[in-house]
Protein backbone atom coordinates (compact mmCIF):
# COMPACT_ATOMS: atom_id res chain seq x y z
CA UNK A 1 0.00 0.00 0.00
CA UNK A 2 3.03 2.30 0.34
CA UNK A 3 3.86 2.10 -3.37
CA UNK A 4 1.65 5.04 -4.47
CA UNK A 5 3.00 7.26 -1.66
CA UNK A 6 6.57 6.49 -2.75
CA UNK A 7 5.75 7.33 -6.39
CA UNK A 8 3.87 10.48 -5.38
CA UNK A 9 6.81 11.70 -3.28
CA UNK A 10 9.26 11.09 -6.14
CA UNK A 11 7.10 13.16 -8.47
CA UNK A 12 6.61 15.99 -5.98
CA UNK A 13 10.36 16.13 -5.29
CA UNK A 14 10.97 16.12 -9.05
CA UNK A 15 13.27 13.13 -8.71
CA UNK A 16 14.14 11.45 -11.99
CA UNK A 17 14.24 8.05 -10.37
CA UNK A 18 12.41 4.98 -11.59
CA UNK A 19 11.30 2.32 -9.14
CA UNK A 20 11.23 -1.26 -10.41
CA UNK A 21 8.58 -3.44 -8.77
CA UNK A 22 9.21 -7.11 -9.37
CA UNK A 23 6.75 -9.83 -8.44
CA UNK A 24 4.83 -12.84 -9.66
CA UNK A 25 2.06 -12.20 -12.25
CA UNK A 26 -0.94 -12.36 -9.85
CA UNK A 27 0.62 -9.69 -7.61
CA UNK A 28 1.52 -7.42 -10.55
CA UNK A 29 -2.03 -7.78 -11.91
CA UNK A 30 -3.53 -6.95 -8.50
CA UNK A 31 -1.34 -3.82 -8.20
CA UNK A 32 -2.28 -2.67 -11.69
CA UNK A 33 -6.00 -3.49 -11.37
CA UNK A 34 -6.67 -2.42 -7.78
CA UNK A 35 -4.03 0.10 -6.77
CA UNK A 36 -2.89 1.97 -9.88
CA UNK A 37 -6.18 1.93 -11.74
CA UNK A 38 -6.92 5.65 -11.61
CA UNK A 39 -9.81 5.40 -9.15
CA UNK A 40 -7.86 6.43 -6.03
CA UNK A 41 -4.29 6.74 -7.29
CA UNK A 42 -3.14 7.54 -10.81
CA UNK A 43 -1.31 4.97 -12.89
CA UNK A 44 2.28 5.88 -12.00
CA UNK A 45 3.56 3.49 -14.68
CA UNK A 46 2.65 6.17 -17.29
CA UNK A 47 3.51 9.33 -15.31
CA UNK A 48 5.26 11.54 -16.37
CA UNK A 49 4.81 9.71 -19.71
CA UNK A 50 4.29 6.20 -21.07
CA UNK A 51 8.02 5.67 -21.70
CA UNK A 52 9.34 7.07 -18.43
CA UNK A 53 6.84 6.06 -15.76
CA UNK A 54 7.95 6.53 -12.16
CA UNK A 55 7.01 2.88 -11.57
CA UNK A 56 8.02 -0.05 -13.70
CA UNK A 57 6.08 -3.28 -13.02
CA UNK A 58 7.98 -6.44 -13.98
CA UNK A 59 6.59 -9.95 -13.78
CA UNK A 60 8.82 -12.71 -12.45
CA UNK A 61 8.09 -16.39 -12.89
CA UNK A 62 7.38 -18.12 -9.58
CA UNK A 63 10.31 -20.16 -8.27
CA UNK A 64 12.61 -18.99 -11.09
CA UNK A 65 15.72 -17.02 -10.18
CA UNK A 66 16.62 -13.62 -11.59
CA UNK A 67 20.02 -11.95 -11.33
CA UNK A 68 19.89 -8.35 -10.08
CA UNK A 69 23.31 -6.80 -9.58
CA UNK A 70 25.29 -9.07 -7.25
CA UNK A 71 22.19 -10.88 -6.03
CA UNK A 72 20.00 -13.73 -7.17
CA UNK A 73 16.32 -13.15 -6.38
CA UNK A 74 13.76 -15.97 -6.42
CA UNK A 75 10.06 -15.29 -5.77
CA UNK A 76 8.03 -17.96 -3.99
CA UNK A 77 4.23 -17.70 -3.75
CA UNK A 78 3.07 -17.69 -0.14
CA UNK A 79 -0.27 -18.44 1.53
CA UNK A 80 -2.18 -15.19 2.00
CA UNK A 81 -5.75 -13.98 1.51
CA UNK A 82 -4.70 -12.03 -1.61
CA UNK A 83 -1.90 -12.82 -4.08
CA UNK A 84 1.43 -12.52 -2.28
CA UNK A 85 5.00 -13.62 -2.66
CA UNK A 86 8.08 -14.09 -0.54
CA UNK A 87 11.60 -13.54 -1.82
CA UNK A 88 14.77 -15.55 -1.46
CA UNK A 89 17.78 -13.26 -1.84
CA UNK A 90 21.18 -14.89 -2.32
CA UNK A 91 24.58 -13.23 -2.64
CA UNK A 92 27.73 -14.49 -4.36
CA UNK A 93 28.86 -16.21 -1.14
CA UNK A 94 25.62 -18.24 -1.10
CA UNK A 95 24.37 -16.35 1.95
CA UNK A 96 20.57 -16.42 1.87
CA UNK A 97 17.84 -14.21 3.25
CA UNK A 98 14.19 -15.18 2.87
CA UNK A 99 11.51 -12.54 3.36
CA UNK A 100 8.01 -14.02 3.51
CA UNK A 101 5.96 -10.83 3.43
CA UNK A 102 2.40 -11.54 4.57
CA UNK A 103 1.91 -15.28 4.86
CA UNK A 104 -0.05 -17.94 6.63
CA UNK A 105 1.05 -21.55 7.05
CA UNK A 106 2.53 -23.00 3.89
CA UNK A 107 3.97 -26.39 3.09
CA UNK A 108 4.64 -25.75 -0.59
CA UNK A 109 6.93 -22.74 -0.07
CA UNK A 110 9.31 -24.66 2.18
CA UNK A 111 9.24 -27.74 -0.06
CA UNK A 112 10.10 -25.63 -3.11
CA UNK A 113 13.10 -24.17 -1.30
CA UNK A 114 14.68 -27.61 -1.69
CA UNK A 115 16.53 -27.77 1.64
CA UNK A 116 18.37 -24.49 1.03
CA UNK A 117 20.14 -23.13 4.09
CA UNK A 118 18.52 -19.87 5.18
CA UNK A 119 20.90 -17.60 7.07
CA UNK A 120 18.24 -15.02 7.84
CA UNK A 121 14.45 -15.45 7.82
CA UNK A 122 12.20 -12.38 8.02
CA UNK A 123 8.72 -13.68 8.73
CA UNK A 124 5.48 -12.20 9.96
CA UNK A 125 3.52 -12.91 13.12
CA UNK A 126 0.35 -10.81 13.12
CA UNK A 127 -1.89 -12.27 15.82
CA UNK A 128 -1.64 -13.89 19.28
CA UNK A 129 -2.31 -17.62 19.62
CA UNK A 130 -5.91 -17.11 20.78
CA UNK A 131 -6.68 -15.58 17.35
CA UNK A 132 -5.43 -18.54 15.32
CA UNK A 133 -8.74 -18.92 13.47
CA UNK A 134 -8.65 -15.36 12.07
CA UNK A 135 -4.94 -15.74 11.32
CA UNK A 136 -5.66 -18.84 9.23
CA UNK A 137 -8.65 -17.21 7.49
CA UNK A 138 -6.63 -14.12 6.50
CA UNK A 139 -3.30 -15.80 5.72
CA UNK A 140 -1.22 -14.73 8.72
CA UNK A 141 0.71 -16.37 11.55
CA UNK A 142 0.56 -16.59 15.34
CA UNK A 143 3.56 -17.58 17.50
CA UNK A 144 2.33 -21.19 17.63
CA UNK A 145 1.87 -21.27 13.83
CA UNK A 146 5.33 -19.73 13.43
CA UNK A 147 6.89 -22.56 15.42
CA UNK A 148 5.13 -25.09 13.16
CA UNK A 149 6.52 -23.30 10.08
CA UNK A 150 10.06 -23.38 11.44
CA UNK A 151 9.74 -27.11 12.08
CA UNK A 152 8.95 -27.56 8.36
CA UNK A 153 12.21 -25.90 7.34
CA UNK A 154 15.19 -28.20 6.86
CA UNK A 155 17.68 -27.05 7.88
CA UNK A 156 16.11 -24.52 10.26
CA UNK A 157 17.02 -20.86 9.68
CA UNK A 158 20.13 -19.50 11.41
CA UNK A 159 18.43 -16.25 12.47
CA UNK A 160 14.73 -15.34 12.58
CA UNK A 161 13.34 -11.81 12.56
CA UNK A 162 9.67 -11.20 13.28
CA UNK A 163 7.74 -8.43 11.56
CA UNK A 164 4.13 -7.28 10.99
CA UNK A 165 2.92 -7.55 14.60
CA UNK A 166 -0.51 -5.95 15.01
CA UNK A 167 0.09 -3.05 17.45
CA UNK A 168 -2.97 -3.79 19.62
CA UNK A 169 -1.64 -7.31 20.32
CA UNK A 170 2.06 -6.42 20.59
CA UNK A 171 2.64 -7.26 24.27
CA UNK A 172 0.68 -10.53 24.06
CA UNK A 173 2.54 -11.64 20.90
CA UNK A 174 5.92 -10.74 22.48
CA UNK A 175 5.15 -12.88 25.54
CA UNK A 176 4.06 -15.82 23.37
CA UNK A 177 7.17 -15.50 21.17
CA UNK A 178 9.38 -15.53 24.29
CA UNK A 179 7.72 -18.78 25.40
CA UNK A 180 8.91 -20.45 22.17
CA UNK A 181 12.45 -20.42 23.64
CA UNK A 182 14.10 -19.81 20.28
CA UNK A 183 17.53 -18.24 20.88
CA UNK A 184 17.83 -17.04 17.29
CA UNK A 185 14.53 -15.11 17.26
CA UNK A 186 14.33 -11.29 17.34
CA UNK A 187 11.67 -8.66 16.74
CA UNK A 188 12.49 -6.51 13.71
CA UNK A 189 12.26 -2.77 14.28
CA UNK A 190 12.04 -0.09 11.58
CA UNK A 191 15.56 1.20 12.18
CA UNK A 192 17.23 -2.23 12.25
CA UNK A 193 19.88 -3.11 9.68
CA UNK A 194 20.55 -6.79 9.08
CA UNK A 195 23.82 -8.22 7.82
CA UNK A 196 23.32 -11.64 6.34
C-alpha atoms as a PDB file:
ATOM      1  CA  UNK A   1       0.000   0.000   0.000  1.00  0.00           C
ATOM      2  CA  UNK A   2       3.029   2.296   0.342  1.00  0.00           C
ATOM      3  CA  UNK A   3       3.859   2.099  -3.374  1.00  0.00           C
ATOM      4  CA  UNK A   4       1.654   5.044  -4.467  1.00  0.00           C
ATOM      5  CA  UNK A   5       3.002   7.257  -1.661  1.00  0.00           C
ATOM      6  CA  UNK A   6       6.566   6.492  -2.754  1.00  0.00           C
ATOM      7  CA  UNK A   7       5.748   7.333  -6.388  1.00  0.00           C
ATOM      8  CA  UNK A   8       3.868  10.480  -5.378  1.00  0.00           C
ATOM      9  CA  UNK A   9       6.813  11.704  -3.285  1.00  0.00           C
ATOM     10  CA  UNK A  10       9.258  11.089  -6.138  1.00  0.00           C
ATOM     11  CA  UNK A  11       7.098  13.156  -8.473  1.00  0.00           C
ATOM     12  CA  UNK A  12       6.609  15.992  -5.979  1.00  0.00           C
ATOM     13  CA  UNK A  13      10.356  16.134  -5.293  1.00  0.00           C
ATOM     14  CA  UNK A  14      10.967  16.121  -9.046  1.00  0.00           C
ATOM     15  CA  UNK A  15      13.273  13.134  -8.709  1.00  0.00           C
ATOM     16  CA  UNK A  16      14.136  11.450 -11.988  1.00  0.00           C
ATOM     17  CA  UNK A  17      14.238   8.047 -10.369  1.00  0.00           C
ATOM     18  CA  UNK A  18      12.411   4.977 -11.594  1.00  0.00           C
ATOM     19  CA  UNK A  19      11.300   2.317  -9.143  1.00  0.00           C
ATOM     20  CA  UNK A  20      11.228  -1.261 -10.414  1.00  0.00           C
ATOM     21  CA  UNK A  21       8.582  -3.444  -8.768  1.00  0.00           C
ATOM     22  CA  UNK A  22       9.206  -7.114  -9.374  1.00  0.00           C
ATOM     23  CA  UNK A  23       6.747  -9.826  -8.435  1.00  0.00           C
ATOM     24  CA  UNK A  24       4.825 -12.837  -9.663  1.00  0.00           C
ATOM     25  CA  UNK A  25       2.060 -12.202 -12.251  1.00  0.00           C
ATOM     26  CA  UNK A  26      -0.944 -12.365  -9.849  1.00  0.00           C
ATOM     27  CA  UNK A  27       0.618  -9.692  -7.613  1.00  0.00           C
ATOM     28  CA  UNK A  28       1.522  -7.422 -10.548  1.00  0.00           C
ATOM     29  CA  UNK A  29      -2.035  -7.776 -11.911  1.00  0.00           C
ATOM     30  CA  UNK A  30      -3.526  -6.951  -8.498  1.00  0.00           C
ATOM     31  CA  UNK A  31      -1.345  -3.822  -8.199  1.00  0.00           C
ATOM     32  CA  UNK A  32      -2.276  -2.666 -11.692  1.00  0.00           C
ATOM     33  CA  UNK A  33      -5.996  -3.485 -11.366  1.00  0.00           C
ATOM     34  CA  UNK A  34      -6.674  -2.418  -7.781  1.00  0.00           C
ATOM     35  CA  UNK A  35      -4.026   0.097  -6.770  1.00  0.00           C
ATOM     36  CA  UNK A  36      -2.886   1.971  -9.877  1.00  0.00           C
ATOM     37  CA  UNK A  37      -6.185   1.927 -11.739  1.00  0.00           C
ATOM     38  CA  UNK A  38      -6.917   5.652 -11.606  1.00  0.00           C
ATOM     39  CA  UNK A  39      -9.811   5.405  -9.152  1.00  0.00           C
ATOM     40  CA  UNK A  40      -7.865   6.426  -6.031  1.00  0.00           C
ATOM     41  CA  UNK A  41      -4.286   6.741  -7.285  1.00  0.00           C
ATOM     42  CA  UNK A  42      -3.144   7.540 -10.809  1.00  0.00           C
ATOM     43  CA  UNK A  43      -1.307   4.972 -12.891  1.00  0.00           C
ATOM     44  CA  UNK A  44       2.279   5.879 -11.999  1.00  0.00           C
ATOM     45  CA  UNK A  45       3.557   3.489 -14.684  1.00  0.00           C
ATOM     46  CA  UNK A  46       2.649   6.168 -17.290  1.00  0.00           C
ATOM     47  CA  UNK A  47       3.513   9.325 -15.308  1.00  0.00           C
ATOM     48  CA  UNK A  48       5.259  11.539 -16.369  1.00  0.00           C
ATOM     49  CA  UNK A  49       4.809   9.713 -19.709  1.00  0.00           C
ATOM     50  CA  UNK A  50       4.290   6.198 -21.073  1.00  0.00           C
ATOM     51  CA  UNK A  51       8.022   5.668 -21.703  1.00  0.00           C
ATOM     52  CA  UNK A  52       9.338   7.067 -18.435  1.00  0.00           C
ATOM     53  CA  UNK A  53       6.842   6.063 -15.761  1.00  0.00           C
ATOM     54  CA  UNK A  54       7.951   6.528 -12.158  1.00  0.00           C
ATOM     55  CA  UNK A  55       7.006   2.882 -11.566  1.00  0.00           C
ATOM     56  CA  UNK A  56       8.019  -0.054 -13.701  1.00  0.00           C
ATOM     57  CA  UNK A  57       6.084  -3.279 -13.019  1.00  0.00           C
ATOM     58  CA  UNK A  58       7.978  -6.436 -13.977  1.00  0.00           C
ATOM     59  CA  UNK A  59       6.590  -9.954 -13.782  1.00  0.00           C
ATOM     60  CA  UNK A  60       8.820 -12.706 -12.446  1.00  0.00           C
ATOM     61  CA  UNK A  61       8.091 -16.386 -12.889  1.00  0.00           C
ATOM     62  CA  UNK A  62       7.379 -18.115  -9.580  1.00  0.00           C
ATOM     63  CA  UNK A  63      10.309 -20.163  -8.269  1.00  0.00           C
ATOM     64  CA  UNK A  64      12.610 -18.988 -11.093  1.00  0.00           C
ATOM     65  CA  UNK A  65      15.715 -17.023 -10.178  1.00  0.00           C
ATOM     66  CA  UNK A  66      16.624 -13.617 -11.586  1.00  0.00           C
ATOM     67  CA  UNK A  67      20.019 -11.955 -11.326  1.00  0.00           C
ATOM     68  CA  UNK A  68      19.891  -8.345 -10.085  1.00  0.00           C
ATOM     69  CA  UNK A  69      23.310  -6.804  -9.582  1.00  0.00           C
ATOM     70  CA  UNK A  70      25.293  -9.066  -7.254  1.00  0.00           C
ATOM     71  CA  UNK A  71      22.193 -10.882  -6.028  1.00  0.00           C
ATOM     72  CA  UNK A  72      19.999 -13.726  -7.171  1.00  0.00           C
ATOM     73  CA  UNK A  73      16.316 -13.154  -6.377  1.00  0.00           C
ATOM     74  CA  UNK A  74      13.760 -15.968  -6.417  1.00  0.00           C
ATOM     75  CA  UNK A  75      10.056 -15.287  -5.771  1.00  0.00           C
ATOM     76  CA  UNK A  76       8.034 -17.956  -3.985  1.00  0.00           C
ATOM     77  CA  UNK A  77       4.235 -17.701  -3.753  1.00  0.00           C
ATOM     78  CA  UNK A  78       3.073 -17.693  -0.137  1.00  0.00           C
ATOM     79  CA  UNK A  79      -0.266 -18.435   1.535  1.00  0.00           C
ATOM     80  CA  UNK A  80      -2.180 -15.188   1.996  1.00  0.00           C
ATOM     81  CA  UNK A  81      -5.754 -13.984   1.513  1.00  0.00           C
ATOM     82  CA  UNK A  82      -4.698 -12.033  -1.605  1.00  0.00           C
ATOM     83  CA  UNK A  83      -1.904 -12.822  -4.084  1.00  0.00           C
ATOM     84  CA  UNK A  84       1.427 -12.519  -2.275  1.00  0.00           C
ATOM     85  CA  UNK A  85       5.003 -13.618  -2.659  1.00  0.00           C
ATOM     86  CA  UNK A  86       8.077 -14.094  -0.536  1.00  0.00           C
ATOM     87  CA  UNK A  87      11.597 -13.538  -1.823  1.00  0.00           C
ATOM     88  CA  UNK A  88      14.768 -15.548  -1.460  1.00  0.00           C
ATOM     89  CA  UNK A  89      17.784 -13.257  -1.839  1.00  0.00           C
ATOM     90  CA  UNK A  90      21.175 -14.890  -2.317  1.00  0.00           C
ATOM     91  CA  UNK A  91      24.576 -13.231  -2.638  1.00  0.00           C
ATOM     92  CA  UNK A  92      27.732 -14.488  -4.358  1.00  0.00           C
ATOM     93  CA  UNK A  93      28.862 -16.210  -1.142  1.00  0.00           C
ATOM     94  CA  UNK A  94      25.617 -18.237  -1.102  1.00  0.00           C
ATOM     95  CA  UNK A  95      24.374 -16.351   1.953  1.00  0.00           C
ATOM     96  CA  UNK A  96      20.569 -16.420   1.866  1.00  0.00           C
ATOM     97  CA  UNK A  97      17.837 -14.215   3.255  1.00  0.00           C
ATOM     98  CA  UNK A  98      14.190 -15.179   2.873  1.00  0.00           C
ATOM     99  CA  UNK A  99      11.510 -12.539   3.364  1.00  0.00           C
ATOM    100  CA  UNK A 100       8.012 -14.016   3.507  1.00  0.00           C
ATOM    101  CA  UNK A 101       5.956 -10.828   3.425  1.00  0.00           C
ATOM    102  CA  UNK A 102       2.402 -11.542   4.572  1.00  0.00           C
ATOM    103  CA  UNK A 103       1.906 -15.284   4.858  1.00  0.00           C
ATOM    104  CA  UNK A 104      -0.055 -17.936   6.630  1.00  0.00           C
ATOM    105  CA  UNK A 105       1.051 -21.549   7.047  1.00  0.00           C
ATOM    106  CA  UNK A 106       2.535 -23.000   3.885  1.00  0.00           C
ATOM    107  CA  UNK A 107       3.972 -26.390   3.089  1.00  0.00           C
ATOM    108  CA  UNK A 108       4.642 -25.748  -0.590  1.00  0.00           C
ATOM    109  CA  UNK A 109       6.927 -22.741  -0.075  1.00  0.00           C
ATOM    110  CA  UNK A 110       9.308 -24.662   2.178  1.00  0.00           C
ATOM    111  CA  UNK A 111       9.237 -27.745  -0.064  1.00  0.00           C
ATOM    112  CA  UNK A 112      10.099 -25.633  -3.113  1.00  0.00           C
ATOM    113  CA  UNK A 113      13.102 -24.170  -1.297  1.00  0.00           C
ATOM    114  CA  UNK A 114      14.676 -27.610  -1.686  1.00  0.00           C
ATOM    115  CA  UNK A 115      16.527 -27.768   1.639  1.00  0.00           C
ATOM    116  CA  UNK A 116      18.367 -24.489   1.029  1.00  0.00           C
ATOM    117  CA  UNK A 117      20.138 -23.134   4.091  1.00  0.00           C
ATOM    118  CA  UNK A 118      18.515 -19.867   5.185  1.00  0.00           C
ATOM    119  CA  UNK A 119      20.897 -17.602   7.074  1.00  0.00           C
ATOM    120  CA  UNK A 120      18.235 -15.019   7.836  1.00  0.00           C
ATOM    121  CA  UNK A 121      14.454 -15.445   7.817  1.00  0.00           C
ATOM    122  CA  UNK A 122      12.204 -12.383   8.017  1.00  0.00           C
ATOM    123  CA  UNK A 123       8.725 -13.677   8.734  1.00  0.00           C
ATOM    124  CA  UNK A 124       5.477 -12.198   9.962  1.00  0.00           C
ATOM    125  CA  UNK A 125       3.522 -12.913  13.122  1.00  0.00           C
ATOM    126  CA  UNK A 126       0.352 -10.813  13.116  1.00  0.00           C
ATOM    127  CA  UNK A 127      -1.889 -12.275  15.819  1.00  0.00           C
ATOM    128  CA  UNK A 128      -1.645 -13.890  19.280  1.00  0.00           C
ATOM    129  CA  UNK A 129      -2.312 -17.623  19.618  1.00  0.00           C
ATOM    130  CA  UNK A 130      -5.911 -17.106  20.775  1.00  0.00           C
ATOM    131  CA  UNK A 131      -6.680 -15.581  17.346  1.00  0.00           C
ATOM    132  CA  UNK A 132      -5.432 -18.542  15.321  1.00  0.00           C
ATOM    133  CA  UNK A 133      -8.744 -18.915  13.472  1.00  0.00           C
ATOM    134  CA  UNK A 134      -8.652 -15.361  12.069  1.00  0.00           C
ATOM    135  CA  UNK A 135      -4.937 -15.738  11.319  1.00  0.00           C
ATOM    136  CA  UNK A 136      -5.657 -18.838   9.230  1.00  0.00           C
ATOM    137  CA  UNK A 137      -8.646 -17.210   7.491  1.00  0.00           C
ATOM    138  CA  UNK A 138      -6.631 -14.123   6.503  1.00  0.00           C
ATOM    139  CA  UNK A 139      -3.301 -15.800   5.723  1.00  0.00           C
ATOM    140  CA  UNK A 140      -1.221 -14.733   8.722  1.00  0.00           C
ATOM    141  CA  UNK A 141       0.706 -16.372  11.553  1.00  0.00           C
ATOM    142  CA  UNK A 142       0.561 -16.595  15.336  1.00  0.00           C
ATOM    143  CA  UNK A 143       3.558 -17.576  17.504  1.00  0.00           C
ATOM    144  CA  UNK A 144       2.330 -21.189  17.629  1.00  0.00           C
ATOM    145  CA  UNK A 145       1.866 -21.273  13.834  1.00  0.00           C
ATOM    146  CA  UNK A 146       5.334 -19.730  13.431  1.00  0.00           C
ATOM    147  CA  UNK A 147       6.885 -22.560  15.420  1.00  0.00           C
ATOM    148  CA  UNK A 148       5.130 -25.091  13.162  1.00  0.00           C
ATOM    149  CA  UNK A 149       6.515 -23.299  10.079  1.00  0.00           C
ATOM    150  CA  UNK A 150      10.056 -23.379  11.436  1.00  0.00           C
ATOM    151  CA  UNK A 151       9.743 -27.115  12.075  1.00  0.00           C
ATOM    152  CA  UNK A 152       8.948 -27.563   8.356  1.00  0.00           C
ATOM    153  CA  UNK A 153      12.209 -25.904   7.343  1.00  0.00           C
ATOM    154  CA  UNK A 154      15.190 -28.201   6.863  1.00  0.00           C
ATOM    155  CA  UNK A 155      17.678 -27.051   7.877  1.00  0.00           C
ATOM    156  CA  UNK A 156      16.114 -24.525  10.261  1.00  0.00           C
ATOM    157  CA  UNK A 157      17.019 -20.856   9.677  1.00  0.00           C
ATOM    158  CA  UNK A 158      20.129 -19.504  11.412  1.00  0.00           C
ATOM    159  CA  UNK A 159      18.426 -16.253  12.474  1.00  0.00           C
ATOM    160  CA  UNK A 160      14.730 -15.339  12.583  1.00  0.00           C
ATOM    161  CA  UNK A 161      13.344 -11.812  12.557  1.00  0.00           C
ATOM    162  CA  UNK A 162       9.671 -11.201  13.277  1.00  0.00           C
ATOM    163  CA  UNK A 163       7.741  -8.432  11.565  1.00  0.00           C
ATOM    164  CA  UNK A 164       4.133  -7.276  10.990  1.00  0.00           C
ATOM    165  CA  UNK A 165       2.920  -7.550  14.597  1.00  0.00           C
ATOM    166  CA  UNK A 166      -0.514  -5.952  15.006  1.00  0.00           C
ATOM    167  CA  UNK A 167       0.087  -3.051  17.453  1.00  0.00           C
ATOM    168  CA  UNK A 168      -2.966  -3.791  19.615  1.00  0.00           C
ATOM    169  CA  UNK A 169      -1.640  -7.306  20.324  1.00  0.00           C
ATOM    170  CA  UNK A 170       2.063  -6.417  20.592  1.00  0.00           C
ATOM    171  CA  UNK A 171       2.638  -7.262  24.271  1.00  0.00           C
ATOM    172  CA  UNK A 172       0.681 -10.531  24.057  1.00  0.00           C
ATOM    173  CA  UNK A 173       2.538 -11.643  20.896  1.00  0.00           C
ATOM    174  CA  UNK A 174       5.917 -10.743  22.475  1.00  0.00           C
ATOM    175  CA  UNK A 175       5.145 -12.884  25.539  1.00  0.00           C
ATOM    176  CA  UNK A 176       4.062 -15.823  23.371  1.00  0.00           C
ATOM    177  CA  UNK A 177       7.167 -15.499  21.170  1.00  0.00           C
ATOM    178  CA  UNK A 178       9.385 -15.533  24.288  1.00  0.00           C
ATOM    179  CA  UNK A 179       7.724 -18.780  25.402  1.00  0.00           C
ATOM    180  CA  UNK A 180       8.911 -20.453  22.170  1.00  0.00           C
ATOM    181  CA  UNK A 181      12.454 -20.416  23.636  1.00  0.00           C
ATOM    182  CA  UNK A 182      14.102 -19.806  20.283  1.00  0.00           C
ATOM    183  CA  UNK A 183      17.531 -18.245  20.884  1.00  0.00           C
ATOM    184  CA  UNK A 184      17.832 -17.036  17.288  1.00  0.00           C
ATOM    185  CA  UNK A 185      14.526 -15.110  17.263  1.00  0.00           C
ATOM    186  CA  UNK A 186      14.330 -11.288  17.337  1.00  0.00           C
ATOM    187  CA  UNK A 187      11.671  -8.662  16.736  1.00  0.00           C
ATOM    188  CA  UNK A 188      12.486  -6.511  13.714  1.00  0.00           C
ATOM    189  CA  UNK A 189      12.264  -2.766  14.278  1.00  0.00           C
ATOM    190  CA  UNK A 190      12.038  -0.092  11.580  1.00  0.00           C
ATOM    191  CA  UNK A 191      15.559   1.204  12.178  1.00  0.00           C
ATOM    192  CA  UNK A 192      17.232  -2.231  12.249  1.00  0.00           C
ATOM    193  CA  UNK A 193      19.883  -3.106   9.683  1.00  0.00           C
ATOM    194  CA  UNK A 194      20.555  -6.791   9.083  1.00  0.00           C
ATOM    195  CA  UNK A 195      23.817  -8.217   7.817  1.00  0.00           C
ATOM    196  CA  UNK A 196      23.325 -11.636   6.336  1.00  0.00           C
END
